[in-house]
Amino acid sequence: PTISAGGESPAAARQAMAAHGDVEVGAPTDEATTEPSEKWSKREPSCASRAEFAFRRTLKVCGIAFIAAIFVVALFGWPRRLIDSESFKPNLMSIMFLVGLVLVILEDHVGVNKSAIML
């Protein structure tokens, strides 16, 4: 059966084809008419996207854990020898700055708010 291109909607075209027995009413006729969310929701994430997610999550957890550990050391004042060391303190401050800077630069990818990191 032929369908005229004179402004028929796809639903009307399917109805006309169903009247001739060519297609079921309501069934999609091809892959282009299915909803994009249906096509993409069934796809499994690729190995690369899973690796990216794992890297982002690892970076987030390690960065926040490092900063939290430094705050705990500062809160309890232990180990006193490291805290009072004149050679260790500048290196520790540089490392904390570097970790905070990396988390701020990768804020959108890691999902950590830069305001929280800077505080």
N, C-alpha and C. Protein backbone atom coordinates (compact mmCIF):
# COMPACT_ATOMS: atom_id res chain seq x y z
N PRO A 1 0.83 -1.19 0.00
CA PRO A 1 0.00 0.00 0.00
C PRO A 1 0.87 1.24 0.00
N THR A 2 0.39 2.25 -0.68
CA THR A 2 1.12 3.51 -0.74
C THR A 2 0.50 4.50 0.21
N ILE A 3 1.37 5.30 0.78
CA ILE A 3 0.92 6.34 1.70
C ILE A 3 1.31 7.66 1.08
N SER A 4 0.37 8.56 1.02
CA SER A 4 0.68 9.84 0.41
C SER A 4 1.50 10.67 1.39
N ALA A 5 2.36 11.50 0.84
CA ALA A 5 3.19 12.39 1.65
C ALA A 5 2.49 13.72 1.84
N GLY A 6 1.19 13.74 1.77
CA GLY A 6 0.43 14.98 1.83
C GLY A 6 0.11 15.41 3.24
N GLY A 7 1.05 15.29 4.16
CA GLY A 7 0.85 15.82 5.50
C GLY A 7 0.27 14.82 6.49
N GLU A 8 0.29 13.53 6.18
CA GLU A 8 -0.19 12.55 7.14
C GLU A 8 0.78 12.42 8.29
N SER A 9 0.25 12.28 9.47
CA SER A 9 1.12 12.05 10.61
C SER A 9 1.55 10.58 10.62
N PRO A 10 2.65 10.26 11.31
CA PRO A 10 3.07 8.86 11.38
C PRO A 10 2.01 7.95 11.99
N ALA A 11 1.25 8.47 12.98
CA ALA A 11 0.20 7.66 13.58
C ALA A 11 -0.90 7.36 12.56
N ALA A 12 -1.25 8.37 11.75
CA ALA A 12 -2.28 8.15 10.73
C ALA A 12 -1.78 7.18 9.67
N ALA A 13 -0.50 7.26 9.35
CA ALA A 13 0.07 6.34 8.37
C ALA A 13 0.04 4.92 8.89
N ARG A 14 0.36 4.72 10.17
CA ARG A 14 0.30 3.38 10.76
C ARG A 14 -1.13 2.86 10.79
N GLN A 15 -2.07 3.74 11.06
CA GLN A 15 -3.49 3.33 11.07
C GLN A 15 -3.90 2.85 9.67
N ALA A 16 -3.45 3.60 8.66
CA ALA A 16 -3.80 3.21 7.29
C ALA A 16 -3.15 1.89 6.92
N MET A 17 -1.91 1.68 7.34
CA MET A 17 -1.23 0.42 7.05
C MET A 17 -1.86 -0.72 7.83
N ALA A 18 -2.34 -0.45 9.05
CA ALA A 18 -2.99 -1.48 9.85
C ALA A 18 -4.30 -1.91 9.21
N ALA A 19 -4.97 -0.96 8.56
CA ALA A 19 -6.22 -1.30 7.88
C ALA A 19 -5.98 -2.29 6.75
N HIS A 20 -4.80 -2.24 6.14
CA HIS A 20 -4.46 -3.18 5.07
C HIS A 20 -3.79 -4.44 5.62
N GLY A 21 -3.53 -4.48 6.96
CA GLY A 21 -2.93 -5.66 7.55
C GLY A 21 -1.42 -5.71 7.45
N ASP A 22 -0.79 -4.60 7.16
CA ASP A 22 0.66 -4.60 7.00
C ASP A 22 1.41 -4.46 8.32
N VAL A 23 0.84 -3.78 9.27
CA VAL A 23 1.53 -3.52 10.53
C VAL A 23 0.50 -3.42 11.65
N GLU A 24 0.93 -3.74 12.89
CA GLU A 24 0.04 -3.63 14.03
C GLU A 24 -0.09 -2.17 14.44
N VAL A 25 -1.26 -1.82 14.94
CA VAL A 25 -1.47 -0.47 15.41
C VAL A 25 -0.73 -0.30 16.73
N GLY A 26 0.01 0.80 16.84
CA GLY A 26 0.75 1.09 18.07
C GLY A 26 2.14 0.49 18.10
N ALA A 27 2.45 -0.43 17.18
CA ALA A 27 3.79 -1.02 17.17
C ALA A 27 4.72 -0.13 16.38
N PRO A 28 5.94 0.05 16.85
CA PRO A 28 6.89 0.86 16.08
C PRO A 28 7.25 0.15 14.78
N THR A 29 7.33 0.93 13.71
CA THR A 29 7.60 0.34 12.40
C THR A 29 9.08 0.19 12.13
N ASP A 30 9.90 1.02 12.74
CA ASP A 30 11.33 0.90 12.56
C ASP A 30 12.03 1.44 13.80
N GLU A 31 13.36 1.33 13.84
CA GLU A 31 14.13 1.73 15.01
C GLU A 31 14.10 3.24 15.22
N ALA A 32 13.91 4.00 14.16
CA ALA A 32 13.93 5.46 14.26
C ALA A 32 12.72 5.99 15.02
N THR A 33 11.62 5.23 15.06
CA THR A 33 10.43 5.72 15.74
C THR A 33 10.42 5.38 17.22
N THR A 34 11.33 4.53 17.69
CA THR A 34 11.37 4.23 19.11
C THR A 34 11.97 5.39 19.87
N GLU A 35 11.63 5.49 21.12
CA GLU A 35 12.13 6.57 21.96
C GLU A 35 13.62 6.39 22.19
N PRO A 36 14.40 7.48 22.15
CA PRO A 36 15.83 7.37 22.39
C PRO A 36 16.16 6.83 23.78
N SER A 37 15.33 7.16 24.77
CA SER A 37 15.61 6.68 26.12
C SER A 37 15.50 5.17 26.19
N GLU A 38 14.60 4.57 25.39
CA GLU A 38 14.46 3.13 25.38
C GLU A 38 15.68 2.47 24.78
N LYS A 39 16.22 3.05 23.71
CA LYS A 39 17.37 2.46 23.05
C LYS A 39 18.61 2.55 23.93
N TRP A 40 18.83 3.70 24.58
CA TRP A 40 20.06 3.91 25.33
C TRP A 40 20.00 3.33 26.73
N SER A 41 18.82 3.14 27.29
CA SER A 41 18.75 2.61 28.64
C SER A 41 19.16 1.15 28.70
N LYS A 42 19.08 0.44 27.61
CA LYS A 42 19.41 -0.97 27.59
C LYS A 42 20.89 -1.22 27.33
N ARG A 43 21.62 -0.18 26.93
CA ARG A 43 23.05 -0.34 26.66
C ARG A 43 23.83 -0.46 27.95
N GLU A 44 24.79 -1.35 27.95
CA GLU A 44 25.67 -1.49 29.09
C GLU A 44 26.81 -0.50 28.94
N PRO A 45 27.28 0.12 30.04
CA PRO A 45 28.37 1.08 29.91
C PRO A 45 29.64 0.39 29.42
N SER A 46 30.40 1.11 28.63
CA SER A 46 31.63 0.54 28.08
C SER A 46 32.69 0.44 29.16
N CYS A 47 33.73 -0.29 28.84
CA CYS A 47 34.84 -0.49 29.79
C CYS A 47 35.52 0.85 30.08
N ALA A 48 35.65 1.70 29.06
CA ALA A 48 36.29 3.00 29.26
C ALA A 48 35.48 3.89 30.19
N SER A 49 34.15 3.90 30.03
CA SER A 49 33.33 4.75 30.91
C SER A 49 33.35 4.23 32.34
N ARG A 50 33.41 2.91 32.51
CA ARG A 50 33.52 2.37 33.87
C ARG A 50 34.87 2.71 34.48
N ALA A 51 35.93 2.69 33.69
CA ALA A 51 37.26 3.04 34.18
C ALA A 51 37.32 4.52 34.56
N GLU A 52 36.70 5.37 33.75
CA GLU A 52 36.66 6.81 34.06
C GLU A 52 35.92 7.05 35.36
N PHE A 53 34.79 6.37 35.54
CA PHE A 53 34.02 6.51 36.77
C PHE A 53 34.84 6.07 37.98
N ALA A 54 35.53 4.94 37.85
CA ALA A 54 36.35 4.42 38.95
C ALA A 54 37.49 5.39 39.27
N PHE A 55 38.11 5.97 38.24
CA PHE A 55 39.20 6.93 38.47
C PHE A 55 38.68 8.18 39.18
N ARG A 56 37.54 8.71 38.73
CA ARG A 56 36.97 9.90 39.37
C ARG A 56 36.60 9.62 40.82
N ARG A 57 36.00 8.46 41.07
CA ARG A 57 35.60 8.12 42.44
C ARG A 57 36.83 7.94 43.33
N THR A 58 37.87 7.28 42.80
CA THR A 58 39.10 7.07 43.57
C THR A 58 39.77 8.41 43.89
N LEU A 59 39.84 9.30 42.92
CA LEU A 59 40.44 10.62 43.15
C LEU A 59 39.67 11.39 44.20
N LYS A 60 38.37 11.34 44.14
CA LYS A 60 37.53 12.04 45.11
C LYS A 60 37.73 11.49 46.52
N VAL A 61 37.70 10.18 46.65
CA VAL A 61 37.84 9.56 47.97
C VAL A 61 39.23 9.81 48.54
N CYS A 62 40.27 9.64 47.72
CA CYS A 62 41.64 9.84 48.21
C CYS A 62 41.89 11.30 48.60
N GLY A 63 41.42 12.24 47.80
CA GLY A 63 41.62 13.65 48.10
C GLY A 63 40.93 14.07 49.38
N ILE A 64 39.68 13.66 49.53
CA ILE A 64 38.93 14.04 50.74
C ILE A 64 39.49 13.32 51.96
N ALA A 65 39.90 12.06 51.80
CA ALA A 65 40.48 11.32 52.93
C ALA A 65 41.80 11.95 53.38
N PHE A 66 42.61 12.40 52.43
CA PHE A 66 43.88 13.04 52.79
C PHE A 66 43.63 14.33 53.58
N ILE A 67 42.73 15.15 53.09
CA ILE A 67 42.44 16.41 53.78
C ILE A 67 41.82 16.14 55.15
N ALA A 68 40.94 15.16 55.25
CA ALA A 68 40.33 14.81 56.54
C ALA A 68 41.38 14.28 57.51
N ALA A 69 42.31 13.48 57.02
CA ALA A 69 43.37 12.95 57.89
C ALA A 69 44.24 14.07 58.44
N ILE A 70 44.55 15.05 57.61
CA ILE A 70 45.36 16.18 58.07
C ILE A 70 44.60 16.98 59.13
N PHE A 71 43.29 17.15 58.95
CA PHE A 71 42.50 17.86 59.96
C PHE A 71 42.44 17.09 61.28
N VAL A 72 42.36 15.77 61.22
CA VAL A 72 42.35 14.97 62.44
C VAL A 72 43.69 15.10 63.16
N VAL A 73 44.79 15.05 62.41
CA VAL A 73 46.11 15.23 63.02
C VAL A 73 46.21 16.61 63.67
N ALA A 74 45.71 17.63 63.00
CA ALA A 74 45.75 18.98 63.56
C ALA A 74 44.87 19.10 64.80
N LEU A 75 43.73 18.40 64.80
CA LEU A 75 42.81 18.47 65.92
C LEU A 75 43.39 17.83 67.17
N PHE A 76 44.00 16.66 67.04
CA PHE A 76 44.52 15.94 68.20
C PHE A 76 45.97 16.29 68.52
N GLY A 77 46.68 16.93 67.61
CA GLY A 77 48.06 17.33 67.88
C GLY A 77 49.01 16.15 67.94
N TRP A 78 48.69 15.09 67.28
CA TRP A 78 49.54 13.91 67.28
C TRP A 78 49.96 13.61 65.86
N PRO A 79 51.08 13.20 65.53
CA PRO A 79 52.33 13.08 66.27
C PRO A 79 53.03 14.44 66.37
N ARG A 80 53.39 14.80 67.57
CA ARG A 80 53.95 16.12 67.86
C ARG A 80 55.28 16.34 67.12
N ARG A 81 56.08 15.29 66.95
CA ARG A 81 57.36 15.44 66.28
C ARG A 81 57.19 15.90 64.83
N LEU A 82 56.18 15.38 64.13
CA LEU A 82 55.95 15.80 62.75
C LEU A 82 55.35 17.19 62.66
N ILE A 83 54.48 17.51 63.60
CA ILE A 83 53.82 18.82 63.56
C ILE A 83 54.82 19.94 63.80
N ASP A 84 55.75 19.71 64.74
CA ASP A 84 56.73 20.74 65.08
C ASP A 84 57.95 20.74 64.18
N SER A 85 58.06 19.79 63.28
CA SER A 85 59.23 19.70 62.41
C SER A 85 59.25 20.88 61.43
N GLU A 86 60.36 21.59 61.42
CA GLU A 86 60.49 22.75 60.52
C GLU A 86 60.68 22.33 59.07
N SER A 87 61.15 21.13 58.82
CA SER A 87 61.35 20.68 57.44
C SER A 87 60.09 20.00 56.88
N PHE A 88 59.30 19.38 57.75
CA PHE A 88 58.12 18.66 57.28
C PHE A 88 56.92 19.57 57.05
N LYS A 89 56.78 20.60 57.87
CA LYS A 89 55.61 21.48 57.80
C LYS A 89 55.46 22.17 56.44
N PRO A 90 56.50 22.76 55.83
CA PRO A 90 56.32 23.38 54.51
C PRO A 90 55.98 22.36 53.42
N ASN A 91 56.57 21.16 53.53
CA ASN A 91 56.24 20.12 52.55
C ASN A 91 54.78 19.68 52.67
N LEU A 92 54.31 19.55 53.91
CA LEU A 92 52.92 19.16 54.13
C LEU A 92 51.96 20.22 53.60
N MET A 93 52.29 21.48 53.83
CA MET A 93 51.43 22.56 53.33
C MET A 93 51.42 22.57 51.81
N SER A 94 52.55 22.29 51.18
CA SER A 94 52.60 22.23 49.71
C SER A 94 51.77 21.08 49.18
N ILE A 95 51.85 19.94 49.85
CA ILE A 95 51.06 18.78 49.41
C ILE A 95 49.57 19.07 49.58
N MET A 96 49.19 19.67 50.70
CA MET A 96 47.77 20.01 50.90
C MET A 96 47.29 21.00 49.83
N PHE A 97 48.13 21.98 49.51
CA PHE A 97 47.77 22.94 48.47
C PHE A 97 47.60 22.24 47.13
N LEU A 98 48.51 21.33 46.80
CA LEU A 98 48.44 20.61 45.53
C LEU A 98 47.19 19.74 45.45
N VAL A 99 46.86 19.03 46.51
CA VAL A 99 45.66 18.18 46.52
C VAL A 99 44.41 19.05 46.38
N GLY A 100 44.36 20.16 47.11
CA GLY A 100 43.21 21.06 46.99
C GLY A 100 43.10 21.65 45.61
N LEU A 101 44.23 22.02 45.01
CA LEU A 101 44.23 22.59 43.67
C LEU A 101 43.74 21.58 42.64
N VAL A 102 44.19 20.34 42.74
CA VAL A 102 43.74 19.30 41.80
C VAL A 102 42.23 19.07 41.94
N LEU A 103 41.74 19.04 43.17
CA LEU A 103 40.29 18.85 43.37
C LEU A 103 39.49 20.04 42.84
N VAL A 104 40.01 21.24 42.96
CA VAL A 104 39.31 22.41 42.44
C VAL A 104 39.33 22.41 40.91
N ILE A 105 40.47 22.05 40.32
CA ILE A 105 40.55 22.01 38.86
C ILE A 105 39.60 20.97 38.29
N LEU A 106 39.52 19.83 38.94
CA LEU A 106 38.67 18.74 38.46
C LEU A 106 37.30 18.73 39.13
N GLU A 107 36.86 19.89 39.59
CA GLU A 107 35.60 19.99 40.33
C GLU A 107 34.42 19.38 39.60
N ASP A 108 34.25 19.69 38.33
CA ASP A 108 33.10 19.20 37.57
C ASP A 108 33.17 17.69 37.35
N HIS A 109 34.37 17.16 37.22
CA HIS A 109 34.51 15.73 36.96
C HIS A 109 34.44 14.90 38.23
N VAL A 110 34.98 15.45 39.32
CA VAL A 110 35.03 14.71 40.57
C VAL A 110 33.73 14.87 41.35
N GLY A 111 33.11 16.03 41.25
CA GLY A 111 31.83 16.25 41.94
C GLY A 111 32.01 16.80 43.35
N VAL A 112 33.11 17.51 43.61
CA VAL A 112 33.35 18.12 44.92
C VAL A 112 33.25 19.64 44.73
N ASN A 113 32.54 20.28 45.60
CA ASN A 113 32.36 21.72 45.52
C ASN A 113 33.66 22.43 45.91
N LYS A 114 34.13 23.35 45.07
CA LYS A 114 35.40 24.02 45.36
C LYS A 114 35.31 24.93 46.57
N SER A 115 34.15 25.44 46.89
CA SER A 115 34.02 26.26 48.09
C SER A 115 34.28 25.44 49.33
N ALA A 116 33.82 24.20 49.35
CA ALA A 116 34.04 23.33 50.50
C ALA A 116 35.52 22.98 50.63
N ILE A 117 36.20 22.79 49.51
CA ILE A 117 37.62 22.45 49.55
C ILE A 117 38.43 23.64 50.05
N MET A 118 38.11 24.84 49.59
CA MET A 118 38.87 26.01 49.99
C MET A 118 38.67 26.37 51.45
N LEU A 119 37.51 26.04 52.00
CA LEU A 119 37.29 26.31 53.43
C LEU A 119 38.14 25.38 54.25
